[in-house]
Amino acid sequence: PRLIYGHSSGWGRKGPDAGDLSFDYTGIARSGFMMCAGEKGSPPSQMLPGMGDQIGAFMLAWAVTAALYAREKTGKGQLVDTSLMGSIIALIGLILDAPAMLGQEYPRDTRAEAGNPMYNHYRCSDGKWIAVAHLQPDRYWPIFCKAMGISHLENDPRFNTMEARGINCKELIRILDERFATRTRDEWLDHLKKSGCICTPVQTPSEVVQDPQALANNYIIDVDHPVVGKLREVGFPWDFSKTPASWRKPAPQLGEHTEEILLDLGYTAEDIARLRTSGVIL
């Protein structure tokens, strides 16, 4: 009665398609994820593999921990069910609430026509991209103008209010494209941060795994694997002040702990030998 059983499927246990086959690709396609990226009018975005599968695993683990807590309170176990579709819908819940509540979708913007040019990304002289993020654009406009070397535009009626910049966004973005193309990304990052602007690099996956900020917080970790040797891998998205997360051992091989678990459950060595001989366990 205290057993917690975790179950995950492609589409959930109910509904007309509950028994259909599913993969990461089908999950992100049907759940709307592929239409949450890319520019207006572009085809559905080709997503890198595994994101749907991984969030599905996270959701199941999260649900099991909630069931463990419930068992501590009630003494009862239960079936915990989730799916690839349900997990991705939860991941993009904010985006899906717009059509659910209002009957309207968030538009897929075009970078060259972003309504707030100060909340956009730009290519620098080295081909790398930088994102600027000012959700209080009127407050930051004078600072941004000075930092970008366009102080002559601060009081220009085409750009001196948030509304005006939205109307004339294409022209302002064209000007900013030209300005950002005059320096490297690192040069702009250093200059804009010292000027009090909000900015960050648009990083490739290879850059992320070398990011000092990610390394400092153990989001990316270095480990000494007993078989593979020294390697770098994704670490932990959270930290605990009293019981810090750590990498202690590699993922188990298939059947590696079967005997240990069966012994803990009261099986004898002879019982385990019979199960192995009959093919019940590896």
Protein backbone atom coordinates (compact mmCIF):
# COMPACT_ATOMS: atom_id res chain seq x y z
CA PRO A 1 0.00 0.00 0.00
CA ARG A 2 2.99 2.38 0.39
CA LEU A 3 4.35 1.65 -3.09
CA ILE A 4 4.73 4.66 -5.40
CA TYR A 5 4.61 3.68 -9.06
CA GLY A 6 5.88 6.17 -11.63
CA HIS A 7 4.39 5.93 -15.13
CA SER A 8 5.18 8.06 -18.17
CA SER A 9 3.90 7.80 -21.73
CA GLY A 10 3.80 9.79 -24.93
CA TRP A 11 0.29 11.20 -24.74
CA GLY A 12 -1.15 10.34 -21.33
CA ARG A 13 -3.24 7.36 -20.21
CA LYS A 14 -6.57 8.81 -21.34
CA GLY A 15 -7.97 10.17 -24.59
CA PRO A 16 -8.28 8.87 -28.17
CA ASP A 17 -4.51 8.78 -28.82
CA ALA A 18 -3.36 7.31 -25.51
CA GLY A 19 -1.96 4.22 -27.21
CA ASP A 20 -0.16 5.98 -30.07
CA LEU A 21 3.61 5.74 -30.40
CA SER A 22 5.65 8.81 -29.58
CA PHE A 23 9.19 10.16 -29.62
CA ASP A 24 10.81 13.40 -28.52
CA TYR A 25 10.14 14.86 -31.99
CA THR A 26 6.44 14.03 -31.99
CA GLY A 27 6.05 15.41 -28.49
CA ILE A 28 7.57 18.79 -29.24
CA ALA A 29 5.65 18.97 -32.52
CA ARG A 30 2.16 18.31 -31.17
CA SER A 31 2.63 20.30 -27.96
CA GLY A 32 3.32 23.58 -29.78
CA PHE A 33 6.99 23.81 -28.86
CA MET A 34 8.20 24.03 -32.48
CA MET A 35 6.02 27.11 -33.01
CA CYS A 36 7.47 28.90 -29.96
CA ALA A 37 10.70 29.80 -31.76
CA GLY A 38 11.66 31.29 -35.08
CA GLU A 39 10.43 34.45 -36.76
CA LYS A 40 7.01 35.40 -38.10
CA GLY A 41 6.13 33.46 -41.23
CA SER A 42 9.01 30.99 -40.88
CA PRO A 43 8.44 27.20 -40.86
CA PRO A 44 8.20 25.36 -37.53
CA SER A 45 11.61 25.53 -35.87
CA GLN A 46 13.84 22.48 -35.93
CA MET A 47 14.65 21.91 -32.26
CA LEU A 48 17.80 20.18 -31.08
CA PRO A 49 17.03 16.65 -29.83
CA GLY A 50 16.18 15.54 -26.33
CA MET A 51 14.51 18.60 -24.81
CA GLY A 52 11.08 16.99 -24.69
CA ASP A 53 12.40 13.72 -23.31
CA GLN A 54 14.41 15.51 -20.64
CA ILE A 55 11.60 17.73 -19.38
CA GLY A 56 9.38 14.62 -19.34
CA ALA A 57 11.88 12.89 -17.05
CA PHE A 58 12.12 15.96 -14.83
CA MET A 59 8.35 16.16 -14.49
CA LEU A 60 8.07 12.49 -13.54
CA ALA A 61 10.83 12.82 -10.93
CA TRP A 62 9.17 15.96 -9.57
CA ALA A 63 5.84 14.15 -9.32
CA VAL A 64 7.42 11.18 -7.54
CA THR A 65 8.98 13.48 -4.92
CA ALA A 66 5.54 15.04 -4.34
CA ALA A 67 4.08 11.53 -3.95
CA LEU A 68 6.82 10.67 -1.44
CA TYR A 69 5.87 13.71 0.59
CA ALA A 70 2.19 12.77 0.38
CA ARG A 71 3.07 9.27 1.62
CA GLU A 72 4.82 10.76 4.64
CA LYS A 73 1.59 12.60 5.46
CA THR A 74 -0.96 9.88 4.62
CA GLY A 75 0.97 6.62 4.75
CA LYS A 76 -0.35 5.73 1.29
CA GLY A 77 1.44 5.16 -1.99
CA GLN A 78 -0.11 5.86 -5.38
CA LEU A 79 0.30 5.76 -9.13
CA VAL A 80 2.03 8.87 -10.49
CA ASP A 81 1.34 9.46 -14.18
CA THR A 82 2.74 11.99 -16.62
CA SER A 83 3.52 12.15 -20.32
CA LEU A 84 5.75 13.77 -22.88
CA MET A 85 2.84 15.88 -24.13
CA GLY A 86 1.78 17.00 -20.66
CA SER A 87 5.33 17.86 -19.64
CA ILE A 88 5.98 20.08 -22.65
CA ILE A 89 2.61 21.79 -22.26
CA ALA A 90 3.60 22.61 -18.67
CA LEU A 91 7.00 23.89 -19.85
CA ILE A 92 5.39 26.42 -22.22
CA GLY A 93 2.38 27.03 -19.97
CA LEU A 94 2.74 30.82 -20.00
CA ILE A 95 2.68 30.85 -23.80
CA LEU A 96 -0.28 28.46 -24.02
CA ASP A 97 -2.35 30.37 -21.47
CA ALA A 98 -2.76 33.20 -24.00
CA PRO A 99 -4.77 31.16 -26.54
CA ALA A 100 -6.44 29.19 -23.73
CA MET A 101 -7.72 32.28 -21.91
CA LEU A 102 -7.86 34.96 -24.58
CA GLY A 103 -8.16 33.05 -27.85
CA GLN A 104 -5.02 34.82 -29.12
CA GLU A 105 -1.48 33.58 -29.65
CA TYR A 106 1.72 35.38 -28.82
CA PRO A 107 3.07 36.56 -32.18
CA ARG A 108 6.38 35.22 -33.42
CA ASP A 109 8.31 38.45 -33.84
CA THR A 110 10.78 39.32 -36.56
CA ARG A 111 14.10 40.55 -35.18
CA ALA A 112 14.30 43.41 -37.69
CA GLU A 113 10.84 44.61 -36.61
CA ALA A 114 10.96 44.06 -32.83
CA GLY A 115 8.52 46.47 -31.18
CA ASN A 116 11.08 47.31 -28.48
CA PRO A 117 14.48 47.61 -30.20
CA MET A 118 16.09 47.79 -26.75
CA TYR A 119 14.86 44.26 -26.08
CA ASN A 120 16.45 42.51 -29.02
CA HIS A 121 19.62 40.77 -30.20
CA TYR A 122 22.31 42.10 -32.52
CA ARG A 123 25.30 40.76 -34.44
CA CYS A 124 28.70 42.19 -33.52
CA SER A 125 31.80 42.63 -35.67
CA ASP A 126 33.15 39.15 -34.82
CA GLY A 127 29.94 37.47 -35.98
CA LYS A 128 28.82 36.75 -32.41
CA TRP A 129 25.48 37.96 -31.04
CA ILE A 130 24.55 40.05 -28.04
CA ALA A 131 21.14 40.43 -26.39
CA VAL A 132 20.03 43.71 -24.80
CA ALA A 133 17.09 43.52 -22.43
CA HIS A 134 15.46 46.75 -21.27
CA LEU A 135 11.83 46.25 -20.26
CA GLN A 136 11.76 49.83 -18.96
CA PRO A 137 12.99 51.36 -22.20
CA ASP A 138 12.16 54.99 -21.45
CA ARG A 139 14.16 54.80 -18.22
CA TYR A 140 17.20 53.36 -19.97
CA TRP A 141 16.94 55.25 -23.26
CA PRO A 142 19.32 58.13 -22.33
CA ILE A 143 21.89 55.69 -20.88
CA PHE A 144 21.57 53.39 -23.88
CA CYS A 145 21.96 56.26 -26.37
CA LYS A 146 25.13 57.45 -24.69
CA ALA A 147 26.58 53.93 -24.48
CA MET A 148 25.80 53.21 -28.13
CA GLY A 149 27.24 56.50 -29.34
CA ILE A 150 23.90 57.78 -30.63
CA SER A 151 23.25 60.59 -28.15
CA HIS A 152 22.09 62.76 -31.04
CA LEU A 153 19.00 60.51 -31.27
CA GLU A 154 17.99 60.82 -27.61
CA ASN A 155 15.51 63.62 -28.25
CA ASP A 156 14.72 62.71 -31.85
CA PRO A 157 10.87 62.60 -32.05
CA ARG A 158 11.10 59.33 -33.97
CA PHE A 159 12.71 57.59 -30.99
CA ASN A 160 12.31 59.64 -27.79
CA THR A 161 9.37 57.61 -26.40
CA MET A 162 8.59 53.93 -26.20
CA GLU A 163 5.62 54.42 -28.54
CA ALA A 164 7.71 56.32 -31.08
CA ARG A 165 10.43 53.68 -31.04
CA GLY A 166 7.78 51.02 -31.64
CA ILE A 167 6.41 52.87 -34.65
CA ASN A 168 9.88 53.46 -36.08
CA CYS A 169 11.44 50.21 -34.89
CA LYS A 170 12.77 49.12 -38.29
CA GLU A 171 14.79 52.30 -38.69
CA LEU A 172 16.16 52.20 -35.14
CA ILE A 173 17.12 48.54 -35.44
CA ARG A 174 18.91 49.31 -38.70
CA ILE A 175 20.88 52.03 -36.91
CA LEU A 176 21.69 49.72 -33.99
CA ASP A 177 22.73 46.94 -36.37
CA GLU A 178 25.28 49.32 -37.87
CA ARG A 179 26.55 50.40 -34.45
CA PHE A 180 26.90 46.87 -33.05
CA ALA A 181 28.82 45.85 -36.18
CA THR A 182 31.65 48.22 -35.18
CA ARG A 183 32.90 46.25 -32.15
CA THR A 184 33.29 42.64 -31.03
CA ARG A 185 30.78 41.07 -28.70
CA ASP A 186 33.17 41.11 -25.72
CA GLU A 187 33.95 44.76 -26.32
CA TRP A 188 30.25 45.64 -26.36
CA LEU A 189 29.53 43.55 -23.27
CA ASP A 190 32.24 45.29 -21.30
CA HIS A 191 31.23 48.75 -22.51
CA LEU A 192 27.47 48.35 -22.04
CA LYS A 193 27.77 46.84 -18.56
CA LYS A 194 30.07 49.63 -17.42
CA SER A 195 27.50 52.09 -18.80
CA GLY A 196 24.68 50.57 -16.73
CA CYS A 197 22.85 48.78 -19.55
CA ILE A 198 21.37 45.28 -19.33
CA CYS A 199 22.96 42.86 -21.76
CA THR A 200 24.27 39.32 -22.11
CA PRO A 201 25.92 37.17 -24.77
CA VAL A 202 23.86 34.90 -27.00
CA GLN A 203 25.90 31.74 -26.48
CA THR A 204 26.36 28.54 -28.40
CA PRO A 205 26.17 25.25 -26.44
CA SER A 206 29.97 25.01 -26.64
CA GLU A 207 30.27 28.44 -25.03
CA VAL A 208 27.79 27.58 -22.27
CA VAL A 209 29.85 24.63 -21.03
CA GLN A 210 32.85 26.98 -20.67
CA ASP A 211 30.89 29.83 -19.05
CA PRO A 212 32.54 30.86 -15.73
CA GLN A 213 29.13 31.69 -14.25
CA ALA A 214 27.78 28.22 -15.04
CA LEU A 215 30.94 26.60 -13.65
CA ALA A 216 30.91 28.67 -10.46
CA ASN A 217 27.37 27.52 -9.63
CA ASN A 218 27.93 23.86 -10.57
CA TYR A 219 25.50 24.09 -13.46
CA ILE A 220 28.37 22.53 -15.40
CA ILE A 221 30.75 20.22 -13.52
CA ASP A 222 33.99 18.32 -14.06
CA VAL A 223 33.96 14.69 -12.92
CA ASP A 224 36.36 11.77 -12.81
CA HIS A 225 34.46 8.84 -14.34
CA PRO A 226 35.85 5.41 -13.37
CA VAL A 227 35.58 4.15 -16.97
CA VAL A 228 35.73 7.21 -19.24
CA GLY A 229 38.11 9.30 -17.15
CA LYS A 230 37.93 13.07 -16.68
CA LEU A 231 35.01 14.71 -18.42
CA ARG A 232 32.73 17.72 -18.20
CA GLU A 233 28.96 17.37 -18.00
CA VAL A 234 25.78 19.13 -16.94
CA GLY A 235 25.58 19.49 -13.18
CA PHE A 236 22.78 20.72 -10.92
CA PRO A 237 20.23 23.51 -11.47
CA TRP A 238 19.76 23.97 -7.70
CA ASP A 239 21.84 24.01 -4.55
CA PHE A 240 21.03 23.09 -0.96
CA SER A 241 22.69 25.00 1.87
CA LYS A 242 22.80 22.00 4.25
CA THR A 243 22.93 19.05 1.84
CA PRO A 244 24.71 20.31 -1.27
CA ALA A 245 24.29 18.38 -4.48
CA SER A 246 27.33 16.43 -5.66
CA TRP A 247 28.38 13.87 -8.26
CA ARG A 248 29.25 10.68 -6.36
CA LYS A 249 29.08 7.79 -8.79
CA PRO A 250 28.29 7.11 -12.47
CA ALA A 251 24.91 5.95 -13.74
CA PRO A 252 24.53 2.21 -13.04
CA GLN A 253 25.06 -0.45 -15.67
CA LEU A 254 22.05 -2.54 -16.64
CA GLY A 255 21.36 -4.89 -13.73
CA GLU A 256 24.31 -3.62 -11.70
CA HIS A 257 22.37 -3.34 -8.43
CA THR A 258 19.82 -6.12 -8.94
CA GLU A 259 21.49 -8.51 -6.50
CA GLU A 260 22.04 -5.81 -3.88
CA ILE A 261 18.38 -4.77 -3.99
CA LEU A 262 17.07 -8.34 -3.85
CA LEU A 263 19.28 -9.12 -0.85
CA ASP A 264 17.88 -6.03 0.90
CA LEU A 265 14.38 -7.33 0.16
CA GLY A 266 15.15 -10.64 1.88
CA TYR A 267 16.01 -12.89 -1.04
CA THR A 268 18.78 -15.42 -0.40
CA ALA A 269 21.78 -15.99 -2.64
CA GLU A 270 20.15 -19.27 -3.74
CA ASP A 271 16.91 -17.46 -4.61
CA ILE A 272 18.81 -14.95 -6.71
CA ALA A 273 20.76 -17.70 -8.46
CA ARG A 274 17.50 -19.44 -9.42
CA LEU A 275 16.03 -16.17 -10.76
CA ARG A 276 19.15 -15.58 -12.82
CA THR A 277 19.20 -19.15 -14.16
CA SER A 278 15.55 -18.93 -15.19
CA GLY A 279 16.15 -15.61 -16.98
CA VAL A 280 13.98 -13.53 -14.66
CA ILE A 281 16.96 -11.24 -13.89
CA LEU A 282 20.23 -10.57 -15.66
